[in-house]
Amino acid sequence: MRKGKRSRVSRPEHIPEDIIVEILSRLPVKTLMKFKIVCNQWKSLISHKIFSLRNDGRCREKPLFFFRRLNKDLTGTKVSTSWSLNSDLHVEEFNNPFSGYEFLGSCDGLLLFGYGKNIFLWNPSTRYSRAVHHLLSLGHGYRRVLASGFCYDDSVDDYKVVIIISQPRKSERTIYAFVSHLKSITWTKVNCPYEVLRTDWVAPLVRGNLHILAQEKEGKNGGNQHPNAPQQLILCFDTKRDEFKLLPKPDPKHDEQNLVHGLGVIEGCLCMVRPDTYGWEVLTMREYGVKESWTVLFAIVNSYLNAPRYSLVPVFLTNKGEVVMVENHQKVMAYDLKSRNLLVVRQQKYPESSQLFGFPYVESVADGNQERPPRRKRNNRLDDFIYFSYLDHL
């Protein structure tokens, strides 16, 4: 070797792709976004759906919780405040470019919003956003959205949007689900045979299915023990088959009506909240679809919570064993499973007329991986059918 010249460091000509994926999947989202410019191979790997899911599993160790406050100002215009709640129950406000838009659902770190005639996709971690679908134009105020959801359909490698709406008629209101993939330019209409009860905007998503509270339509509950108060049902919308079906509820306690005051998701399991003698019980369905698998996770002994229109929605389980819940669309609460203490998360004060809802969010590099659908001609049958007004029906 000549003096004054540096020796070249020998590098392997080829690193197996599975090793690259294993290393990259352990990195945070911000680092991955920088690594996408290293080479086309890394950009393709990081952008692939399978890698997004793999990285999503790693990131679940540090979950985030996104909450939105919706209310109307003096002019009647909808305004919103968005903020996050980390696993240490610290509140942080964040800049949401879609403030005031209607939130439709979350999946794989992607948030879906509806505004006007369009549906927008946004990844808060990467700040990536774009219009991905066309909505129907705003209606005239007599049709409204009851629930919505956003999920991934692995059978066709595409994301799916589900919007459940009501259409009042002279005798009774009719409820439909409108379903569409992001790659599609059409909506499929599915009739709902049940009466949908109150919802919490975005329906809990378990196994890719949406879940809402419902009851038999009038005149179809003759066999109930309480004919004047139809039994509540847990209604599931199967996103694989595009159909409604019922899920079994646990047996009632003390021969009560077995009311449900909230549906949520904890650790991937469907959960429900029902009144107890001295407070409330939170139950989880350990094995999806199996009635006997309903298990009491914990009970809250507090008489002031017991009210006919009370709502308590479980949102997420932190790494420290705290169940984060939304109470009456107004407060964020956390129940410590170890100490059995109920905490109220400190937050900024908002008008009582505003509404609060929350959902779990995990950082991801996903971008939807879909092409924008082409413009479509006006559909006279479906145009002016859906409008987004979650506040008006509360």
Foldseek 3Di string as FASTA:
>chain_A
DDPPDDDDDDDDPDDDPVVVLVVLLLDDPVVLVVCLPVDVVSVVQQADPVSQVSSLVNQVQKWKKKKKKWDADPVRQIFMWIWIATLVRDIGTDDDPQTSFAWAEDESQWTWTDDAQWIKIARPSVRDMDTQATHFGAADPQKEWQEKYWYADPVVRFIKIKTWMWAADPVGIWIWIWMDTSQDHGTDIGTDQWAFDHDDHYAAAAPNKGKGKTFGDPPPQVPDPDNVDTAIWIWIQDPVVRYIDTADEEDDPPPDSFDWQEWYDEPRWIWTWDADPQFIWIWTQPDPRDRVSTDTQDTQRHNVQDDPNKHKYFAYARPQGWTWIQTPQAWIWIARSPVRDIGTRDDDDDDPLMGMDMHMGGRGPHDRPHDRHDDDDDDVVCHSNYHHDVSVVD
